[in-house]
N, C-alpha and C. Protein backbone atom coordinates (compact mmCIF):
# COMPACT_ATOMS: atom_id res chain seq x y z
N UNK A 1 0.85 -1.19 0.00
CA UNK A 1 0.00 0.00 0.00
C UNK A 1 0.88 1.24 0.00
N UNK A 2 0.62 2.19 -0.89
CA UNK A 2 1.41 3.41 -0.97
C UNK A 2 1.16 4.29 0.24
N UNK A 3 2.22 4.86 0.77
CA UNK A 3 2.12 5.74 1.93
C UNK A 3 2.63 7.11 1.53
N UNK A 4 1.87 8.16 1.83
CA UNK A 4 2.27 9.51 1.48
C UNK A 4 3.43 9.99 2.33
N UNK A 5 4.01 11.11 1.91
CA UNK A 5 5.16 11.67 2.61
C UNK A 5 4.77 12.09 4.03
N UNK A 6 5.64 11.79 4.99
CA UNK A 6 5.42 12.15 6.39
C UNK A 6 6.29 13.35 6.73
N UNK A 7 5.69 14.36 7.35
CA UNK A 7 6.39 15.58 7.74
C UNK A 7 6.26 15.76 9.25
N UNK A 8 7.38 15.92 9.92
CA UNK A 8 7.39 16.20 11.35
C UNK A 8 7.11 17.69 11.55
N UNK A 9 6.04 18.02 12.23
CA UNK A 9 5.68 19.43 12.45
C UNK A 9 5.88 19.84 13.91
N UNK A 10 6.70 19.06 14.64
CA UNK A 10 7.06 19.39 16.02
C UNK A 10 8.31 20.25 16.04
N UNK A 11 8.60 20.83 17.21
CA UNK A 11 9.86 21.53 17.41
C UNK A 11 10.68 20.75 18.45
N UNK A 12 12.00 20.71 18.31
CA UNK A 12 12.82 19.94 19.25
C UNK A 12 12.85 20.59 20.64
N UNK A 13 12.74 19.76 21.66
CA UNK A 13 12.89 20.23 23.04
C UNK A 13 14.38 20.44 23.32
N UNK A 14 14.74 21.63 23.75
CA UNK A 14 16.14 21.95 24.05
C UNK A 14 16.19 23.11 25.03
N UNK A 15 17.27 23.23 25.82
CA UNK A 15 17.35 24.31 26.81
C UNK A 15 17.26 25.71 26.22
N UNK A 16 17.64 25.87 24.95
CA UNK A 16 17.61 27.20 24.34
C UNK A 16 16.36 27.44 23.48
N UNK A 17 15.34 26.58 23.64
CA UNK A 17 14.07 26.80 22.96
C UNK A 17 13.27 27.84 23.76
N UNK A 18 12.67 28.84 23.09
CA UNK A 18 11.87 29.83 23.84
C UNK A 18 10.72 29.17 24.59
N UNK A 19 10.44 29.69 25.77
CA UNK A 19 9.29 29.25 26.56
C UNK A 19 8.41 30.44 26.86
N UNK A 20 7.18 30.16 27.27
CA UNK A 20 6.26 31.23 27.63
C UNK A 20 6.81 31.98 28.85
N UNK A 21 6.77 33.31 28.83
CA UNK A 21 7.31 34.07 29.97
C UNK A 21 6.70 33.62 31.30
N UNK A 22 7.56 33.32 32.24
CA UNK A 22 7.12 32.87 33.56
C UNK A 22 7.01 31.38 33.71
N UNK A 23 7.02 30.64 32.60
CA UNK A 23 6.98 29.18 32.68
C UNK A 23 8.37 28.64 33.05
N UNK A 24 8.43 27.40 33.56
CA UNK A 24 9.74 26.83 33.90
C UNK A 24 10.66 26.75 32.70
N UNK A 25 11.93 26.96 32.94
CA UNK A 25 12.92 26.81 31.88
C UNK A 25 13.09 25.34 31.54
N UNK A 26 13.56 25.08 30.33
CA UNK A 26 13.84 23.71 29.90
C UNK A 26 15.26 23.34 30.31
N UNK A 27 15.42 22.19 30.95
CA UNK A 27 16.74 21.70 31.34
C UNK A 27 16.91 20.26 30.86
N UNK A 28 18.00 19.99 30.22
CA UNK A 28 18.38 18.63 29.85
C UNK A 28 19.82 18.45 30.32
N UNK A 29 19.99 17.68 31.39
CA UNK A 29 21.29 17.58 32.04
C UNK A 29 21.70 16.11 32.20
N UNK A 30 22.98 15.83 32.12
CA UNK A 30 23.43 14.44 32.28
C UNK A 30 23.23 13.95 33.71
N UNK A 31 22.66 12.76 33.84
CA UNK A 31 22.54 12.11 35.15
C UNK A 31 23.53 10.95 35.26
N UNK A 32 23.71 10.21 34.17
CA UNK A 32 24.71 9.14 34.09
C UNK A 32 25.37 9.23 32.71
N UNK A 33 26.67 8.94 32.68
CA UNK A 33 27.37 8.98 31.41
C UNK A 33 28.36 7.82 31.32
N UNK A 34 28.34 7.17 30.15
CA UNK A 34 29.29 6.08 29.90
C UNK A 34 30.71 6.59 30.02
N UNK A 35 30.93 7.83 29.56
CA UNK A 35 32.27 8.41 29.62
C UNK A 35 32.77 8.61 31.04
N UNK A 36 31.81 8.62 32.02
CA UNK A 36 32.18 8.77 33.42
C UNK A 36 32.22 7.43 34.14
N UNK A 37 32.07 6.35 33.38
CA UNK A 37 32.15 5.02 33.98
C UNK A 37 30.81 4.37 34.24
N UNK A 38 29.69 5.04 33.89
CA UNK A 38 28.37 4.45 34.09
C UNK A 38 28.07 3.45 32.99
N UNK A 39 27.12 2.57 33.25
CA UNK A 39 26.78 1.52 32.29
C UNK A 39 26.00 2.06 31.09
N UNK A 40 25.32 3.19 31.29
CA UNK A 40 24.47 3.73 30.22
C UNK A 40 24.40 5.25 30.34
N UNK A 41 23.98 5.88 29.27
CA UNK A 41 23.72 7.32 29.29
C UNK A 41 22.28 7.57 29.72
N UNK A 42 22.09 8.41 30.72
CA UNK A 42 20.77 8.80 31.22
C UNK A 42 20.80 10.30 31.49
N UNK A 43 19.73 10.98 31.10
CA UNK A 43 19.68 12.43 31.30
C UNK A 43 18.50 12.81 32.18
N UNK A 44 18.64 13.93 32.87
CA UNK A 44 17.57 14.52 33.66
C UNK A 44 16.87 15.56 32.80
N UNK A 45 15.56 15.41 32.66
CA UNK A 45 14.75 16.34 31.86
C UNK A 45 13.83 17.12 32.79
N UNK A 46 13.88 18.44 32.72
CA UNK A 46 13.02 19.29 33.53
C UNK A 46 12.42 20.38 32.64
N UNK A 47 11.11 20.49 32.64
CA UNK A 47 10.47 21.49 31.79
C UNK A 47 9.01 21.66 32.20
N UNK A 48 8.43 22.77 31.82
CA UNK A 48 6.99 22.96 31.99
C UNK A 48 6.26 22.10 30.97
N UNK A 49 5.07 21.67 31.33
CA UNK A 49 4.36 20.74 30.44
C UNK A 49 3.70 21.44 29.25
N UNK A 50 3.90 22.76 29.13
CA UNK A 50 3.43 23.49 27.96
C UNK A 50 4.63 24.05 27.18
N UNK A 51 5.72 23.31 27.18
CA UNK A 51 6.93 23.69 26.45
C UNK A 51 6.88 23.13 25.03
N UNK A 52 7.46 23.88 24.09
CA UNK A 52 7.57 23.39 22.73
C UNK A 52 6.22 23.03 22.14
N UNK A 53 6.20 22.00 21.31
CA UNK A 53 4.95 21.50 20.74
C UNK A 53 4.20 20.76 21.84
N UNK A 54 2.98 21.18 22.11
CA UNK A 54 2.25 20.60 23.24
C UNK A 54 0.74 20.68 23.01
N UNK A 55 0.01 19.96 23.85
CA UNK A 55 -1.44 19.88 23.75
C UNK A 55 -2.07 20.48 25.01
N UNK A 56 -3.09 21.31 24.79
CA UNK A 56 -3.89 21.88 25.88
C UNK A 56 -5.20 21.11 25.99
N UNK A 57 -5.46 20.44 27.11
CA UNK A 57 -6.79 19.87 27.36
C UNK A 57 -7.64 20.90 28.10
N UNK A 58 -8.93 20.64 28.30
CA UNK A 58 -9.78 21.60 28.99
C UNK A 58 -9.26 22.04 30.36
N UNK A 59 -8.63 21.13 31.11
CA UNK A 59 -8.20 21.48 32.47
C UNK A 59 -7.12 22.54 32.51
N UNK A 60 -6.53 22.87 31.37
CA UNK A 60 -5.50 23.93 31.36
C UNK A 60 -6.09 25.25 31.82
N UNK A 61 -7.35 25.54 31.45
CA UNK A 61 -7.97 26.80 31.84
C UNK A 61 -9.31 26.65 32.53
N UNK A 62 -9.81 25.42 32.62
CA UNK A 62 -11.13 25.20 33.21
C UNK A 62 -10.99 24.27 34.41
N UNK A 63 -11.25 24.80 35.58
CA UNK A 63 -11.14 23.99 36.80
C UNK A 63 -12.11 22.82 36.72
N UNK A 64 -11.58 21.62 36.91
CA UNK A 64 -12.41 20.42 36.83
C UNK A 64 -12.62 19.90 35.42
N UNK A 65 -11.99 20.56 34.44
CA UNK A 65 -12.13 20.12 33.05
C UNK A 65 -11.34 18.86 32.78
N UNK A 66 -11.57 18.29 31.63
CA UNK A 66 -10.89 17.06 31.25
C UNK A 66 -9.39 17.23 31.18
N UNK A 67 -8.66 16.19 31.55
CA UNK A 67 -7.21 16.24 31.59
C UNK A 67 -6.61 15.57 30.35
N UNK A 68 -5.30 15.67 30.23
CA UNK A 68 -4.64 15.20 29.00
C UNK A 68 -4.87 13.70 28.78
N UNK A 69 -4.94 12.94 29.85
CA UNK A 69 -5.14 11.49 29.71
C UNK A 69 -6.59 11.13 29.43
N UNK A 70 -7.47 12.12 29.42
CA UNK A 70 -8.88 11.87 29.14
C UNK A 70 -9.28 12.27 27.72
N UNK A 71 -8.33 12.81 26.94
CA UNK A 71 -8.63 13.15 25.55
C UNK A 71 -8.76 11.86 24.75
N UNK A 72 -9.85 11.75 24.01
CA UNK A 72 -10.05 10.56 23.19
C UNK A 72 -8.99 10.48 22.09
N UNK A 73 -8.29 9.36 21.97
CA UNK A 73 -7.24 9.25 20.96
C UNK A 73 -7.72 9.55 19.55
N UNK A 74 -8.99 9.24 19.25
CA UNK A 74 -9.48 9.46 17.89
C UNK A 74 -9.59 10.94 17.54
N UNK A 75 -9.55 11.83 18.55
CA UNK A 75 -9.52 13.27 18.26
C UNK A 75 -8.12 13.67 17.79
N UNK A 76 -7.11 13.01 18.30
CA UNK A 76 -5.72 13.38 18.05
C UNK A 76 -5.14 12.77 16.78
N UNK A 77 -5.83 11.81 16.23
CA UNK A 77 -5.36 11.12 15.03
C UNK A 77 -6.49 11.07 14.02
N UNK A 78 -6.20 11.49 12.78
CA UNK A 78 -7.22 11.42 11.75
C UNK A 78 -7.05 12.49 10.69
N UNK A 79 -7.99 12.57 9.76
CA UNK A 79 -7.91 13.54 8.68
C UNK A 79 -7.84 14.97 9.22
N UNK A 80 -6.99 15.78 8.60
CA UNK A 80 -6.82 17.17 9.02
C UNK A 80 -6.69 18.04 7.78
N UNK A 81 -6.76 19.35 8.00
CA UNK A 81 -6.68 20.31 6.90
C UNK A 81 -5.73 21.43 7.30
N UNK A 82 -4.68 21.62 6.51
CA UNK A 82 -3.74 22.73 6.75
C UNK A 82 -4.24 23.95 6.00
N UNK A 83 -4.43 25.05 6.71
CA UNK A 83 -4.84 26.30 6.07
C UNK A 83 -3.67 27.28 6.10
N UNK A 84 -3.53 28.02 5.01
CA UNK A 84 -2.39 28.92 4.86
C UNK A 84 -2.86 30.36 5.04
N UNK A 85 -2.25 31.04 6.01
CA UNK A 85 -2.55 32.44 6.30
C UNK A 85 -1.25 33.23 6.21
N UNK A 86 -0.69 33.41 4.99
CA UNK A 86 0.62 34.04 4.86
C UNK A 86 0.67 35.49 5.31
N UNK A 87 -0.49 36.13 5.36
CA UNK A 87 -0.54 37.53 5.80
C UNK A 87 -1.11 37.66 7.21
N UNK A 88 -1.19 36.53 7.92
CA UNK A 88 -1.76 36.56 9.26
C UNK A 88 -0.94 37.43 10.20
N UNK A 89 -1.59 38.37 10.83
CA UNK A 89 -0.94 39.27 11.79
C UNK A 89 -1.89 39.51 12.96
N UNK A 90 -1.35 39.58 14.15
CA UNK A 90 -2.19 39.86 15.31
C UNK A 90 -3.28 38.81 15.46
N UNK A 91 -4.47 39.27 15.82
CA UNK A 91 -5.59 38.35 16.02
C UNK A 91 -6.29 38.07 14.69
N UNK A 92 -6.37 36.81 14.34
CA UNK A 92 -7.05 36.38 13.13
C UNK A 92 -8.54 36.30 13.42
N UNK A 93 -9.34 36.86 12.51
CA UNK A 93 -10.78 36.89 12.71
C UNK A 93 -11.51 35.85 11.88
N UNK A 94 -12.82 35.70 12.09
CA UNK A 94 -13.60 34.70 11.35
C UNK A 94 -13.66 35.00 9.86
N UNK A 95 -13.59 36.29 9.49
CA UNK A 95 -13.65 36.64 8.07
C UNK A 95 -12.46 36.05 7.32
N UNK A 96 -11.29 36.09 7.95
CA UNK A 96 -10.10 35.53 7.32
C UNK A 96 -10.22 34.02 7.16
N UNK A 97 -10.78 33.35 8.16
CA UNK A 97 -10.95 31.90 8.07
C UNK A 97 -12.01 31.54 7.03
N UNK A 98 -13.07 32.33 6.95
CA UNK A 98 -14.17 32.03 6.02
C UNK A 98 -13.73 32.13 4.57
N UNK A 99 -12.68 32.91 4.30
CA UNK A 99 -12.20 33.08 2.92
C UNK A 99 -11.33 31.92 2.44
N UNK A 100 -11.06 30.96 3.31
CA UNK A 100 -10.08 29.92 2.99
C UNK A 100 -10.68 28.66 2.36
N UNK A 101 -11.98 28.65 2.15
CA UNK A 101 -12.63 27.47 1.55
C UNK A 101 -12.31 26.20 2.31
N UNK A 102 -12.40 26.28 3.62
CA UNK A 102 -12.18 25.10 4.45
C UNK A 102 -13.37 24.15 4.28
N UNK A 103 -13.13 22.88 3.99
CA UNK A 103 -14.26 21.96 3.84
C UNK A 103 -15.14 21.94 5.08
N UNK A 104 -16.44 21.86 4.88
CA UNK A 104 -17.36 21.86 6.02
C UNK A 104 -17.19 20.61 6.88
N UNK A 105 -16.58 19.57 6.30
CA UNK A 105 -16.37 18.32 7.04
C UNK A 105 -15.07 18.31 7.84
N UNK A 106 -14.24 19.34 7.70
CA UNK A 106 -12.93 19.36 8.37
C UNK A 106 -13.11 19.45 9.88
N UNK A 107 -12.58 18.47 10.60
CA UNK A 107 -12.69 18.44 12.06
C UNK A 107 -11.40 18.83 12.76
N UNK A 108 -10.29 18.80 12.02
CA UNK A 108 -8.98 19.14 12.59
C UNK A 108 -8.32 20.16 11.67
N UNK A 109 -8.04 21.33 12.21
CA UNK A 109 -7.46 22.40 11.41
C UNK A 109 -6.08 22.76 11.96
N UNK A 110 -5.11 22.91 11.06
CA UNK A 110 -3.77 23.36 11.43
C UNK A 110 -3.55 24.68 10.71
N UNK A 111 -3.28 25.74 11.47
CA UNK A 111 -3.20 27.09 10.92
C UNK A 111 -1.74 27.48 10.70
N UNK A 112 -1.36 27.58 9.44
CA UNK A 112 0.01 27.97 9.09
C UNK A 112 0.05 29.48 8.85
N UNK A 113 0.86 30.17 9.63
CA UNK A 113 0.97 31.62 9.57
C UNK A 113 2.46 31.99 9.47
N UNK A 114 2.78 33.29 9.41
CA UNK A 114 4.19 33.68 9.44
C UNK A 114 4.93 33.27 10.71
N UNK A 115 4.19 32.76 11.72
CA UNK A 115 4.86 32.27 12.93
C UNK A 115 5.77 31.07 12.65
N UNK A 116 5.37 30.22 11.70
CA UNK A 116 6.05 28.94 11.52
C UNK A 116 7.54 29.12 11.27
N UNK A 117 8.32 28.40 12.04
CA UNK A 117 9.77 28.51 11.98
C UNK A 117 10.36 29.51 12.95
N UNK A 118 9.52 30.33 13.59
CA UNK A 118 10.03 31.34 14.53
C UNK A 118 10.25 30.75 15.93
N UNK A 119 9.58 29.65 16.25
CA UNK A 119 9.80 28.97 17.52
C UNK A 119 10.96 28.00 17.30
N UNK A 120 12.15 28.50 17.50
CA UNK A 120 13.35 27.71 17.19
C UNK A 120 14.42 27.94 18.24
N UNK A 121 15.37 27.05 18.28
CA UNK A 121 16.45 27.13 19.26
C UNK A 121 17.23 28.44 19.10
N UNK A 122 17.53 29.07 20.22
CA UNK A 122 18.32 30.29 20.22
C UNK A 122 17.53 31.56 19.99
N UNK A 123 16.25 31.44 19.64
CA UNK A 123 15.43 32.63 19.41
C UNK A 123 14.85 33.14 20.74
N UNK A 124 14.56 34.42 20.78
CA UNK A 124 13.90 35.00 21.94
C UNK A 124 12.38 34.85 21.79
N UNK A 125 11.69 34.86 22.90
CA UNK A 125 10.22 34.84 22.85
C UNK A 125 9.74 36.08 22.10
N UNK A 126 8.79 35.88 21.18
CA UNK A 126 8.28 36.97 20.34
C UNK A 126 6.79 37.14 20.60
N UNK A 127 6.43 38.24 21.28
CA UNK A 127 5.03 38.45 21.66
C UNK A 127 4.15 38.91 20.51
N UNK A 128 4.72 39.13 19.33
CA UNK A 128 3.93 39.66 18.20
C UNK A 128 3.35 38.55 17.32
N UNK A 129 3.30 37.32 17.83
CA UNK A 129 2.85 36.20 17.01
C UNK A 129 1.38 36.34 16.59
N UNK A 130 1.08 35.77 15.40
CA UNK A 130 -0.31 35.69 14.95
C UNK A 130 -1.06 34.67 15.79
N UNK A 131 -2.34 34.92 16.03
CA UNK A 131 -3.14 34.06 16.91
C UNK A 131 -4.60 34.18 16.52
N UNK A 132 -5.46 33.51 17.25
CA UNK A 132 -6.89 33.59 17.01
C UNK A 132 -7.53 34.64 17.90
N UNK A 133 -8.50 35.38 17.35
CA UNK A 133 -9.35 36.23 18.16
C UNK A 133 -10.53 35.42 18.66
N UNK A 134 -11.26 35.96 19.62
CA UNK A 134 -12.35 35.20 20.23
C UNK A 134 -13.46 34.92 19.23
N UNK A 135 -13.73 35.83 18.30
CA UNK A 135 -14.78 35.56 17.31
C UNK A 135 -14.39 34.42 16.38
N UNK A 136 -13.11 34.33 16.05
CA UNK A 136 -12.63 33.20 15.24
C UNK A 136 -12.78 31.89 16.01
N UNK A 137 -12.50 31.94 17.31
CA UNK A 137 -12.67 30.74 18.15
C UNK A 137 -14.13 30.30 18.14
N UNK A 138 -15.05 31.25 18.24
CA UNK A 138 -16.49 30.91 18.20
C UNK A 138 -16.87 30.34 16.84
N UNK A 139 -16.27 30.87 15.78
CA UNK A 139 -16.54 30.38 14.43
C UNK A 139 -16.13 28.92 14.31
N UNK A 140 -14.97 28.57 14.88
CA UNK A 140 -14.50 27.18 14.85
C UNK A 140 -15.43 26.27 15.64
N UNK A 141 -15.90 26.74 16.78
CA UNK A 141 -16.82 25.94 17.59
C UNK A 141 -18.12 25.71 16.83
N UNK A 142 -18.63 26.74 16.18
CA UNK A 142 -19.87 26.62 15.42
C UNK A 142 -19.73 25.63 14.27
N UNK A 143 -18.53 25.51 13.73
CA UNK A 143 -18.30 24.58 12.62
C UNK A 143 -17.96 23.17 13.12
N UNK A 144 -18.03 22.97 14.41
CA UNK A 144 -17.81 21.65 15.03
C UNK A 144 -16.39 21.13 14.81
N UNK A 145 -15.44 22.04 14.78
CA UNK A 145 -14.04 21.63 14.73
C UNK A 145 -13.68 20.97 16.06
N UNK A 146 -12.96 19.86 16.01
CA UNK A 146 -12.61 19.11 17.23
C UNK A 146 -11.19 19.39 17.70
N UNK A 147 -10.33 19.86 16.79
CA UNK A 147 -8.94 20.13 17.14
C UNK A 147 -8.44 21.29 16.29
N UNK A 148 -7.72 22.22 16.92
CA UNK A 148 -7.09 23.31 16.18
C UNK A 148 -5.63 23.39 16.60
N UNK A 149 -4.75 23.46 15.61
CA UNK A 149 -3.32 23.56 15.87
C UNK A 149 -2.78 24.89 15.38
N UNK A 150 -1.89 25.49 16.18
CA UNK A 150 -1.30 26.79 15.83
C UNK A 150 0.21 26.70 15.89
N UNK A 151 0.87 27.66 15.24
CA UNK A 151 2.32 27.56 15.07
C UNK A 151 3.13 28.52 15.93
N UNK A 152 2.63 28.82 17.13
CA UNK A 152 3.46 29.45 18.15
C UNK A 152 2.97 28.96 19.51
N UNK A 153 3.47 29.52 20.58
CA UNK A 153 3.26 28.94 21.91
C UNK A 153 1.86 29.13 22.49
N UNK A 154 1.01 29.91 21.81
CA UNK A 154 -0.35 30.08 22.31
C UNK A 154 -1.31 30.34 21.17
N UNK A 155 -2.53 29.86 21.33
CA UNK A 155 -3.60 30.14 20.38
C UNK A 155 -4.14 31.55 20.60
N UNK A 156 -3.74 32.16 21.71
CA UNK A 156 -4.29 33.45 22.14
C UNK A 156 -3.16 34.46 22.29
N UNK A 157 -3.47 35.75 22.11
CA UNK A 157 -2.43 36.78 22.14
C UNK A 157 -1.70 36.82 23.48
N UNK A 158 -0.49 37.32 23.43
CA UNK A 158 0.37 37.32 24.62
C UNK A 158 -0.22 38.12 25.76
N UNK A 159 -0.83 39.26 25.44
CA UNK A 159 -1.40 40.11 26.49
C UNK A 159 -2.91 39.87 26.59
N UNK A 160 -3.30 38.61 26.67
CA UNK A 160 -4.72 38.27 26.76
C UNK A 160 -5.28 38.68 28.11
N UNK A 161 -6.58 39.01 28.16
CA UNK A 161 -7.21 39.29 29.46
C UNK A 161 -7.10 38.09 30.40
N UNK A 162 -7.24 38.35 31.68
CA UNK A 162 -7.12 37.29 32.68
C UNK A 162 -8.09 36.15 32.41
N UNK A 163 -9.23 36.45 31.79
CA UNK A 163 -10.24 35.42 31.53
C UNK A 163 -9.83 34.48 30.40
N UNK A 164 -8.87 34.89 29.58
CA UNK A 164 -8.40 34.08 28.43
C UNK A 164 -9.59 33.56 27.62
N UNK A 165 -10.34 34.47 26.98
CA UNK A 165 -11.58 34.07 26.30
C UNK A 165 -11.38 33.12 25.13
N UNK A 166 -10.25 33.21 24.42
CA UNK A 166 -10.04 32.31 23.28
C UNK A 166 -9.86 30.88 23.77
N UNK A 167 -8.95 30.69 24.71
CA UNK A 167 -8.77 29.35 25.28
C UNK A 167 -10.08 28.81 25.85
N UNK A 168 -10.76 29.62 26.63
CA UNK A 168 -11.98 29.15 27.29
C UNK A 168 -13.08 28.82 26.29
N UNK A 169 -13.19 29.63 25.24
CA UNK A 169 -14.21 29.35 24.22
C UNK A 169 -13.96 27.99 23.58
N UNK A 170 -12.71 27.72 23.22
CA UNK A 170 -12.39 26.46 22.57
C UNK A 170 -12.47 25.28 23.54
N UNK A 171 -11.80 25.41 24.67
CA UNK A 171 -11.69 24.27 25.59
C UNK A 171 -13.03 23.92 26.23
N UNK A 172 -13.86 24.93 26.51
CA UNK A 172 -15.16 24.63 27.12
C UNK A 172 -16.08 23.91 26.14
N UNK A 173 -15.80 24.06 24.84
CA UNK A 173 -16.59 23.35 23.82
C UNK A 173 -15.98 22.01 23.46
N UNK A 174 -14.90 21.63 24.14
CA UNK A 174 -14.26 20.35 23.89
C UNK A 174 -13.29 20.35 22.73
N UNK A 175 -12.91 21.55 22.23
CA UNK A 175 -11.95 21.63 21.14
C UNK A 175 -10.55 21.49 21.73
N UNK A 176 -9.80 20.50 21.26
CA UNK A 176 -8.42 20.30 21.71
C UNK A 176 -7.53 21.30 21.01
N UNK A 177 -6.63 21.92 21.76
CA UNK A 177 -5.72 22.93 21.23
C UNK A 177 -4.30 22.36 21.19
N UNK A 178 -3.67 22.43 20.03
CA UNK A 178 -2.28 22.03 19.88
C UNK A 178 -1.48 23.27 19.56
N UNK A 179 -0.44 23.54 20.36
CA UNK A 179 0.35 24.77 20.21
C UNK A 179 1.82 24.43 19.96
N UNK A 180 2.53 25.39 19.38
CA UNK A 180 3.96 25.21 19.17
C UNK A 180 4.32 24.35 17.98
N UNK A 181 3.47 24.32 16.96
CA UNK A 181 3.78 23.57 15.74
C UNK A 181 4.73 24.35 14.84
N UNK A 182 5.42 23.65 13.98
CA UNK A 182 6.19 24.28 12.90
C UNK A 182 5.63 23.74 11.59
N UNK A 183 4.80 24.55 10.94
CA UNK A 183 4.11 24.12 9.73
C UNK A 183 4.75 24.67 8.47
N UNK A 184 6.00 25.14 8.58
CA UNK A 184 6.65 25.78 7.44
C UNK A 184 6.81 24.84 6.25
N UNK A 185 6.90 23.53 6.48
CA UNK A 185 7.06 22.56 5.40
C UNK A 185 5.75 21.85 5.05
N UNK A 186 4.67 22.27 5.68
CA UNK A 186 3.38 21.61 5.47
C UNK A 186 2.58 22.34 4.39
N UNK A 187 2.32 21.70 3.27
CA UNK A 187 1.54 22.37 2.22
C UNK A 187 0.08 22.49 2.63
N UNK A 188 -0.61 23.53 2.17
CA UNK A 188 -2.03 23.65 2.49
C UNK A 188 -2.84 22.53 1.87
N UNK A 189 -3.90 22.17 2.56
CA UNK A 189 -4.78 21.14 2.05
C UNK A 189 -4.88 19.95 2.97
N UNK A 190 -5.34 18.85 2.42
CA UNK A 190 -5.65 17.66 3.21
C UNK A 190 -4.40 16.91 3.63
N UNK A 191 -4.46 16.34 4.80
CA UNK A 191 -3.39 15.48 5.33
C UNK A 191 -4.00 14.60 6.40
N UNK A 192 -3.16 13.74 6.96
CA UNK A 192 -3.56 12.93 8.10
C UNK A 192 -2.69 13.33 9.29
N UNK A 193 -3.34 13.59 10.42
CA UNK A 193 -2.64 14.07 11.61
C UNK A 193 -2.39 12.93 12.60
N UNK A 194 -1.18 12.93 13.16
CA UNK A 194 -0.84 12.03 14.25
C UNK A 194 -0.24 12.88 15.37
N UNK A 195 -1.00 13.12 16.40
CA UNK A 195 -0.59 13.97 17.52
C UNK A 195 -0.57 13.12 18.78
N UNK A 196 0.63 12.90 19.33
CA UNK A 196 0.77 11.97 20.46
C UNK A 196 1.39 12.66 21.66
N UNK A 197 0.56 13.26 22.53
CA UNK A 197 1.09 13.87 23.75
C UNK A 197 1.49 12.83 24.78
N UNK A 198 2.42 13.19 25.66
CA UNK A 198 2.76 12.31 26.76
C UNK A 198 1.52 12.03 27.59
N UNK A 199 1.35 10.80 28.00
CA UNK A 199 0.16 10.39 28.75
C UNK A 199 0.41 10.65 30.23
N UNK A 200 0.20 11.89 30.65
CA UNK A 200 0.44 12.30 32.03
C UNK A 200 -0.87 12.18 32.81
N UNK A 201 -0.88 11.37 33.85
CA UNK A 201 -2.09 11.18 34.64
C UNK A 201 -2.53 12.51 35.25
N UNK A 202 -3.74 12.92 34.96
CA UNK A 202 -4.28 14.17 35.50
C UNK A 202 -3.61 15.41 34.96
N UNK A 203 -2.90 15.30 33.84
CA UNK A 203 -2.12 16.43 33.33
C UNK A 203 -2.97 17.54 32.74
N UNK A 204 -2.57 18.78 32.99
CA UNK A 204 -3.24 19.94 32.39
C UNK A 204 -2.61 20.33 31.06
N UNK A 205 -1.76 19.48 30.54
CA UNK A 205 -1.10 19.69 29.27
C UNK A 205 0.05 18.71 29.15
N UNK A 206 0.59 18.58 27.93
CA UNK A 206 1.71 17.66 27.74
C UNK A 206 2.43 17.96 26.44
N UNK A 207 3.77 17.89 26.45
CA UNK A 207 4.51 17.95 25.19
C UNK A 207 4.07 16.83 24.27
N UNK A 208 4.20 17.06 22.95
CA UNK A 208 3.73 16.08 21.99
C UNK A 208 4.68 15.99 20.80
N UNK A 209 4.74 14.83 20.21
CA UNK A 209 5.36 14.65 18.90
C UNK A 209 4.21 14.64 17.90
N UNK A 210 4.28 15.52 16.93
CA UNK A 210 3.19 15.66 15.97
C UNK A 210 3.75 15.52 14.56
N UNK A 211 3.16 14.64 13.78
CA UNK A 211 3.53 14.50 12.37
C UNK A 211 2.26 14.51 11.54
N UNK A 212 2.43 14.87 10.26
CA UNK A 212 1.32 14.77 9.32
C UNK A 212 1.77 13.90 8.16
N UNK A 213 0.82 13.19 7.58
CA UNK A 213 1.09 12.40 6.38
C UNK A 213 0.26 12.98 5.25
N UNK A 214 0.95 13.33 4.17
CA UNK A 214 0.28 13.94 3.04
C UNK A 214 -0.44 12.89 2.21
N UNK A 215 -1.46 13.32 1.53
CA UNK A 215 -2.17 12.42 0.62
C UNK A 215 -1.30 12.18 -0.61
N UNK A 216 -1.41 10.98 -1.18
CA UNK A 216 -0.68 10.65 -2.41
C UNK A 216 -1.19 11.48 -3.58
């Protein structure tokens, strides 16, 4: 059976990867080393669970909401649609999404904007990233989208109100949010999504390895 090209749309976890201001820094440190006489190489990994490419479940912003280990696997794997917003700036509105001819059957949307490739090792956090506005979030909910992926560390603007209306609109409707993607090599259109977050018991989020497989 022919298999389409697979593209990794995750970003590598590394100490010099930008993190959200105030979140824990990423640390990868040697715990055991063969060069020091140990039997195997083992490293200590320390990071916030919303570092790099990661998944937000409802409990990230909703007290008592579903946790990362309660997300149905079939939401995280399946047909998806990459939309291209090359002029995306600031908060993206529903009018911009409506112009993209997104199929009405699309349940998983990955939004490629000028952000893609900016979340990289050695870069500083950039608060000017493109994101969704609350009306766009409502538009996605109305269209019964089950998962939305974005290409920077948040689906919502950096200086969001304390209520975080974009996150709450999506998560309260059961829409899974995937943040920190790099979609620079992902062509617009249909693909198959494989999003596998760490299975953290009771987790309010988890890093993920995310790949897409293109149609033949």
